[in-house]
Amino acid sequence: MAKKRSDKTDEENLFIGDEYAEEDDSEKQETTENEMEGLYDLMIPPGIPESVIVELVEEFDLEPVSRTANVDIVEVDAREILMLRGDLETVNEAHDYMIQRTHEVLDEAFKSPWVKD
């Protein structure tokens, strides 16, 4: 006789593939949209020193996230891009700080090993 599948899943009545079954995401999607309201992303361009990124996260209390976006360098390719997420005012302040610190880091006594004094 066939075993009747119950609504409650546990180790006894877990069928192959049940762990991959799609759930109703409508409630999750609504909460995610509400949580995202008022948050903005600051894109970190390639070449920003890691030390500056760490300073931004620590000083401005921004959340590092990654997003897939089309990047048009030679060809349009979808790539993972580092973003720092926070409220608008904080993101704007972090942007200005990122530009300032990047210029400072690049202007600090960096010399090529082939250049002699």
N, C-alpha and C. Protein backbone atom coordinates (compact mmCIF):
# COMPACT_ATOMS: atom_id res chain seq x y z
N MET A 1 0.84 -1.18 0.00
CA MET A 1 0.00 0.00 0.00
C MET A 1 0.89 1.25 0.00
N ALA A 2 0.50 2.28 -0.74
CA ALA A 2 1.31 3.50 -0.87
C ALA A 2 1.21 4.33 0.40
N LYS A 3 2.32 4.91 0.74
CA LYS A 3 2.37 5.76 1.93
C LYS A 3 1.83 7.14 1.58
N LYS A 4 0.91 7.65 2.38
CA LYS A 4 0.31 8.95 2.12
C LYS A 4 1.27 10.03 2.58
N ARG A 5 1.46 11.01 1.73
CA ARG A 5 2.36 12.12 2.04
C ARG A 5 1.64 13.11 2.94
N SER A 6 2.26 13.45 4.06
CA SER A 6 1.63 14.40 4.98
C SER A 6 2.15 15.80 4.68
N ASP A 7 1.44 16.80 5.19
CA ASP A 7 1.85 18.18 4.98
C ASP A 7 3.12 18.51 5.76
N LYS A 8 3.31 17.85 6.87
CA LYS A 8 4.47 18.11 7.71
C LYS A 8 5.64 17.27 7.20
N THR A 9 6.78 17.95 6.94
CA THR A 9 7.94 17.20 6.47
C THR A 9 8.93 17.03 7.61
N ASP A 10 9.35 15.82 7.78
CA ASP A 10 10.42 15.51 8.72
C ASP A 10 11.27 14.43 8.08
N GLU A 11 12.19 13.86 8.83
CA GLU A 11 13.10 12.88 8.24
C GLU A 11 12.37 11.64 7.75
N GLU A 12 11.23 11.28 8.36
CA GLU A 12 10.50 10.09 7.95
C GLU A 12 9.84 10.25 6.59
N ASN A 13 9.20 11.41 6.35
CA ASN A 13 8.45 11.55 5.11
C ASN A 13 9.06 12.57 4.16
N LEU A 14 10.37 12.69 4.17
CA LEU A 14 11.06 13.56 3.24
C LEU A 14 11.32 12.80 1.95
N PHE A 15 10.75 13.26 0.86
CA PHE A 15 10.91 12.62 -0.43
C PHE A 15 12.07 13.25 -1.17
N ILE A 16 12.65 12.51 -2.08
CA ILE A 16 13.76 13.02 -2.87
C ILE A 16 13.29 14.24 -3.66
N GLY A 17 14.02 15.32 -3.56
CA GLY A 17 13.67 16.55 -4.26
C GLY A 17 12.87 17.52 -3.41
N ASP A 18 12.32 17.08 -2.27
CA ASP A 18 11.55 17.99 -1.42
C ASP A 18 12.41 19.14 -0.90
N GLU A 19 13.69 18.86 -0.68
CA GLU A 19 14.55 19.92 -0.15
C GLU A 19 14.76 21.03 -1.17
N TYR A 20 14.44 20.76 -2.44
CA TYR A 20 14.59 21.77 -3.48
C TYR A 20 13.26 22.35 -3.93
N ALA A 21 12.19 21.96 -3.28
CA ALA A 21 10.87 22.44 -3.68
C ALA A 21 10.77 23.94 -3.44
N GLU A 22 10.16 24.63 -4.38
CA GLU A 22 10.01 26.07 -4.25
C GLU A 22 8.91 26.39 -3.25
N GLU A 23 9.20 27.38 -2.43
CA GLU A 23 8.21 27.83 -1.46
C GLU A 23 7.56 29.10 -1.98
N ASP A 24 6.46 29.47 -1.37
CA ASP A 24 5.79 30.70 -1.74
C ASP A 24 6.61 31.87 -1.20
N ASP A 25 7.21 32.64 -2.10
CA ASP A 25 8.10 33.73 -1.71
C ASP A 25 7.41 35.08 -1.64
N SER A 26 6.09 35.14 -1.78
CA SER A 26 5.42 36.44 -1.81
C SER A 26 5.58 37.19 -0.50
N GLU A 27 5.49 36.50 0.64
CA GLU A 27 5.67 37.17 1.92
C GLU A 27 7.11 37.60 2.11
N LYS A 28 8.06 36.75 1.73
CA LYS A 28 9.47 37.08 1.85
C LYS A 28 9.81 38.28 0.98
N GLN A 29 9.24 38.33 -0.23
CA GLN A 29 9.53 39.41 -1.15
C GLN A 29 9.02 40.74 -0.60
N GLU A 30 7.84 40.75 0.02
CA GLU A 30 7.30 41.98 0.60
C GLU A 30 8.18 42.48 1.71
N THR A 31 8.66 41.58 2.59
CA THR A 31 9.53 42.00 3.69
C THR A 31 10.85 42.50 3.14
N THR A 32 11.39 41.87 2.13
CA THR A 32 12.65 42.31 1.55
C THR A 32 12.51 43.70 0.95
N GLU A 33 11.40 43.95 0.24
CA GLU A 33 11.19 45.28 -0.34
C GLU A 33 11.06 46.33 0.75
N ASN A 34 10.37 46.02 1.85
CA ASN A 34 10.23 46.97 2.95
C ASN A 34 11.57 47.23 3.63
N GLU A 35 12.40 46.18 3.78
CA GLU A 35 13.70 46.35 4.40
C GLU A 35 14.63 47.18 3.52
N MET A 36 14.48 47.10 2.20
CA MET A 36 15.35 47.79 1.27
C MET A 36 14.96 49.26 1.08
N GLU A 37 13.77 49.62 1.52
CA GLU A 37 13.29 50.97 1.33
C GLU A 37 14.19 51.96 2.08
N GLY A 38 14.66 52.99 1.38
CA GLY A 38 15.50 54.00 1.99
C GLY A 38 16.98 53.66 1.99
N LEU A 39 17.37 52.54 1.40
CA LEU A 39 18.78 52.16 1.34
C LEU A 39 19.32 52.40 -0.07
N TYR A 40 20.57 52.81 -0.14
CA TYR A 40 21.21 53.10 -1.41
C TYR A 40 22.54 52.35 -1.48
N ASP A 41 23.00 52.10 -2.70
CA ASP A 41 24.25 51.37 -2.91
C ASP A 41 25.31 52.30 -3.48
N LEU A 42 26.51 52.21 -2.91
CA LEU A 42 27.67 52.91 -3.43
C LEU A 42 28.52 51.89 -4.15
N MET A 43 28.65 52.04 -5.47
CA MET A 43 29.44 51.11 -6.25
C MET A 43 30.92 51.39 -6.03
N ILE A 44 31.68 50.34 -5.77
CA ILE A 44 33.12 50.46 -5.60
C ILE A 44 33.77 50.14 -6.94
N PRO A 45 34.35 51.15 -7.61
CA PRO A 45 34.94 50.90 -8.92
C PRO A 45 36.21 50.06 -8.80
N PRO A 46 36.55 49.32 -9.85
CA PRO A 46 37.79 48.56 -9.82
C PRO A 46 38.99 49.48 -9.61
N GLY A 47 39.95 49.03 -8.82
CA GLY A 47 41.16 49.81 -8.58
C GLY A 47 41.15 50.55 -7.26
N ILE A 48 40.03 50.57 -6.56
CA ILE A 48 40.01 51.21 -5.24
C ILE A 48 40.79 50.32 -4.28
N PRO A 49 41.77 50.89 -3.57
CA PRO A 49 42.57 50.07 -2.66
C PRO A 49 41.72 49.41 -1.57
N GLU A 50 42.10 48.20 -1.22
CA GLU A 50 41.35 47.45 -0.21
C GLU A 50 41.32 48.19 1.13
N SER A 51 42.39 48.87 1.46
CA SER A 51 42.44 49.61 2.73
C SER A 51 41.37 50.69 2.78
N VAL A 52 41.11 51.34 1.65
CA VAL A 52 40.08 52.38 1.59
C VAL A 52 38.70 51.76 1.76
N ILE A 53 38.48 50.58 1.16
CA ILE A 53 37.18 49.90 1.30
C ILE A 53 36.94 49.52 2.76
N VAL A 54 37.96 49.01 3.43
CA VAL A 54 37.83 48.64 4.84
C VAL A 54 37.52 49.88 5.67
N GLU A 55 38.20 50.99 5.40
CA GLU A 55 37.92 52.24 6.12
C GLU A 55 36.47 52.68 5.93
N LEU A 56 35.96 52.56 4.70
CA LEU A 56 34.58 52.96 4.42
C LEU A 56 33.59 52.12 5.22
N VAL A 57 33.81 50.81 5.26
CA VAL A 57 32.89 49.92 5.97
C VAL A 57 32.92 50.22 7.46
N GLU A 58 34.13 50.40 8.02
CA GLU A 58 34.25 50.62 9.46
C GLU A 58 33.80 52.02 9.88
N GLU A 59 34.21 53.04 9.15
CA GLU A 59 33.92 54.41 9.56
C GLU A 59 32.47 54.82 9.33
N PHE A 60 31.88 54.35 8.24
CA PHE A 60 30.52 54.77 7.90
C PHE A 60 29.48 53.71 8.20
N ASP A 61 29.90 52.58 8.74
CA ASP A 61 29.00 51.48 9.10
C ASP A 61 28.10 51.08 7.93
N LEU A 62 28.74 50.84 6.78
CA LEU A 62 28.03 50.42 5.59
C LEU A 62 28.10 48.90 5.45
N GLU A 63 27.09 48.34 4.83
CA GLU A 63 27.04 46.88 4.65
C GLU A 63 27.58 46.51 3.27
N PRO A 64 28.66 45.71 3.22
CA PRO A 64 29.16 45.28 1.91
C PRO A 64 28.25 44.23 1.30
N VAL A 65 27.86 44.44 0.06
CA VAL A 65 27.04 43.49 -0.69
C VAL A 65 27.60 43.40 -2.10
N SER A 66 27.23 42.35 -2.80
CA SER A 66 27.64 42.26 -4.20
C SER A 66 26.39 42.16 -5.06
N ARG A 67 26.48 42.75 -6.24
CA ARG A 67 25.38 42.71 -7.18
C ARG A 67 25.92 42.37 -8.55
N THR A 68 25.11 41.75 -9.34
CA THR A 68 25.48 41.45 -10.71
C THR A 68 24.99 42.60 -11.58
N ALA A 69 25.89 43.15 -12.37
CA ALA A 69 25.53 44.25 -13.25
C ALA A 69 26.30 44.11 -14.55
N ASN A 70 25.77 44.70 -15.60
CA ASN A 70 26.45 44.70 -16.88
C ASN A 70 27.56 45.73 -16.86
N VAL A 71 28.77 45.29 -17.19
CA VAL A 71 29.92 46.16 -17.21
C VAL A 71 30.41 46.26 -18.65
N ASP A 72 30.44 47.47 -19.16
CA ASP A 72 30.83 47.68 -20.55
C ASP A 72 32.27 48.17 -20.60
N ILE A 73 33.21 47.22 -20.59
CA ILE A 73 34.62 47.57 -20.72
C ILE A 73 35.01 47.37 -22.17
N VAL A 74 35.10 46.14 -22.60
CA VAL A 74 35.33 45.83 -24.00
C VAL A 74 34.04 45.28 -24.59
N GLU A 75 33.46 44.34 -23.89
CA GLU A 75 32.16 43.80 -24.25
C GLU A 75 31.26 43.95 -23.04
N VAL A 76 29.97 43.91 -23.25
CA VAL A 76 29.04 44.00 -22.13
C VAL A 76 28.95 42.62 -21.48
N ASP A 77 29.48 42.52 -20.28
CA ASP A 77 29.47 41.27 -19.54
C ASP A 77 28.83 41.51 -18.18
N ALA A 78 28.09 40.53 -17.72
CA ALA A 78 27.53 40.59 -16.37
C ALA A 78 28.63 40.18 -15.39
N ARG A 79 28.92 41.03 -14.41
CA ARG A 79 29.96 40.76 -13.43
C ARG A 79 29.47 41.08 -12.03
N GLU A 80 30.10 40.44 -11.06
CA GLU A 80 29.81 40.75 -9.66
C GLU A 80 30.52 42.05 -9.31
N ILE A 81 29.79 42.99 -8.75
CA ILE A 81 30.34 44.29 -8.39
C ILE A 81 30.14 44.49 -6.90
N LEU A 82 31.18 44.97 -6.22
CA LEU A 82 31.09 45.26 -4.78
C LEU A 82 30.35 46.56 -4.58
N MET A 83 29.38 46.53 -3.67
CA MET A 83 28.60 47.71 -3.32
C MET A 83 28.63 47.86 -1.80
N LEU A 84 28.52 49.10 -1.35
CA LEU A 84 28.37 49.36 0.07
C LEU A 84 27.00 49.99 0.26
N ARG A 85 26.18 49.39 1.12
CA ARG A 85 24.78 49.77 1.26
C ARG A 85 24.55 50.54 2.54
N GLY A 86 23.77 51.63 2.43
CA GLY A 86 23.41 52.43 3.60
C GLY A 86 22.40 53.48 3.20
N ASP A 87 22.10 54.39 4.14
CA ASP A 87 21.14 55.45 3.83
C ASP A 87 21.81 56.49 2.93
N LEU A 88 21.02 57.34 2.29
CA LEU A 88 21.49 58.25 1.26
C LEU A 88 22.58 59.19 1.76
N GLU A 89 22.37 59.81 2.91
CA GLU A 89 23.34 60.77 3.44
C GLU A 89 24.69 60.10 3.73
N THR A 90 24.64 58.93 4.34
CA THR A 90 25.87 58.20 4.65
C THR A 90 26.59 57.77 3.39
N VAL A 91 25.85 57.29 2.40
CA VAL A 91 26.45 56.85 1.14
C VAL A 91 27.11 58.02 0.43
N ASN A 92 26.47 59.20 0.44
CA ASN A 92 27.07 60.38 -0.18
C ASN A 92 28.36 60.80 0.52
N GLU A 93 28.35 60.78 1.86
CA GLU A 93 29.56 61.10 2.62
C GLU A 93 30.66 60.09 2.34
N ALA A 94 30.30 58.81 2.27
CA ALA A 94 31.27 57.75 2.00
C ALA A 94 31.86 57.91 0.60
N HIS A 95 31.04 58.33 -0.37
CA HIS A 95 31.54 58.55 -1.72
C HIS A 95 32.61 59.63 -1.73
N ASP A 96 32.33 60.76 -1.09
CA ASP A 96 33.31 61.85 -1.04
C ASP A 96 34.59 61.40 -0.34
N TYR A 97 34.44 60.66 0.75
CA TYR A 97 35.59 60.16 1.49
C TYR A 97 36.39 59.18 0.63
N MET A 98 35.71 58.31 -0.13
CA MET A 98 36.38 57.33 -0.98
C MET A 98 37.25 58.04 -2.03
N ILE A 99 36.72 59.08 -2.66
CA ILE A 99 37.48 59.82 -3.67
C ILE A 99 38.69 60.49 -3.03
N GLN A 100 38.47 61.15 -1.89
CA GLN A 100 39.56 61.85 -1.20
C GLN A 100 40.66 60.87 -0.78
N ARG A 101 40.30 59.78 -0.11
CA ARG A 101 41.29 58.81 0.37
C ARG A 101 42.00 58.12 -0.77
N THR A 102 41.33 57.85 -1.87
CA THR A 102 41.98 57.20 -3.01
C THR A 102 43.06 58.11 -3.58
N HIS A 103 42.76 59.41 -3.70
CA HIS A 103 43.77 60.35 -4.17
C HIS A 103 44.95 60.42 -3.20
N GLU A 104 44.66 60.42 -1.89
CA GLU A 104 45.73 60.47 -0.89
C GLU A 104 46.62 59.24 -0.98
N VAL A 105 45.99 58.07 -1.08
CA VAL A 105 46.76 56.82 -1.14
C VAL A 105 47.62 56.79 -2.40
N LEU A 106 47.08 57.23 -3.52
CA LEU A 106 47.83 57.21 -4.77
C LEU A 106 48.94 58.25 -4.78
N ASP A 107 48.74 59.37 -4.09
CA ASP A 107 49.76 60.42 -4.05
C ASP A 107 50.84 60.17 -3.00
N GLU A 108 50.56 59.26 -2.04
CA GLU A 108 51.56 58.96 -1.02
C GLU A 108 52.77 58.36 -1.69
N ALA A 109 53.88 58.69 -1.26
CA ALA A 109 55.20 58.28 -1.75
C ALA A 109 55.25 56.97 -2.51
N PHE A 110 54.44 56.80 -3.51
CA PHE A 110 54.54 55.61 -4.35
C PHE A 110 55.54 55.90 -5.45
N LYS A 111 56.56 55.07 -5.48
CA LYS A 111 57.56 55.21 -6.53
C LYS A 111 57.81 53.85 -7.14
N SER A 112 58.05 53.86 -8.39
CA SER A 112 58.36 52.63 -9.10
C SER A 112 59.73 52.13 -8.65
N PRO A 113 59.92 50.81 -8.53
CA PRO A 113 61.22 50.31 -8.14
C PRO A 113 62.31 50.61 -9.18
N TRP A 114 61.92 50.97 -10.38
CA TRP A 114 62.89 51.25 -11.43
C TRP A 114 63.32 52.73 -11.45
N VAL A 115 62.60 53.57 -10.73
CA VAL A 115 62.95 55.00 -10.70
C VAL A 115 63.92 55.23 -9.56
N LYS A 116 65.05 55.85 -9.87
CA LYS A 116 66.05 56.13 -8.84
C LYS A 116 65.97 57.60 -8.46
N ASP A 117 66.21 57.86 -7.20
CA ASP A 117 66.14 59.24 -6.70
C ASP A 117 67.25 60.09 -7.25
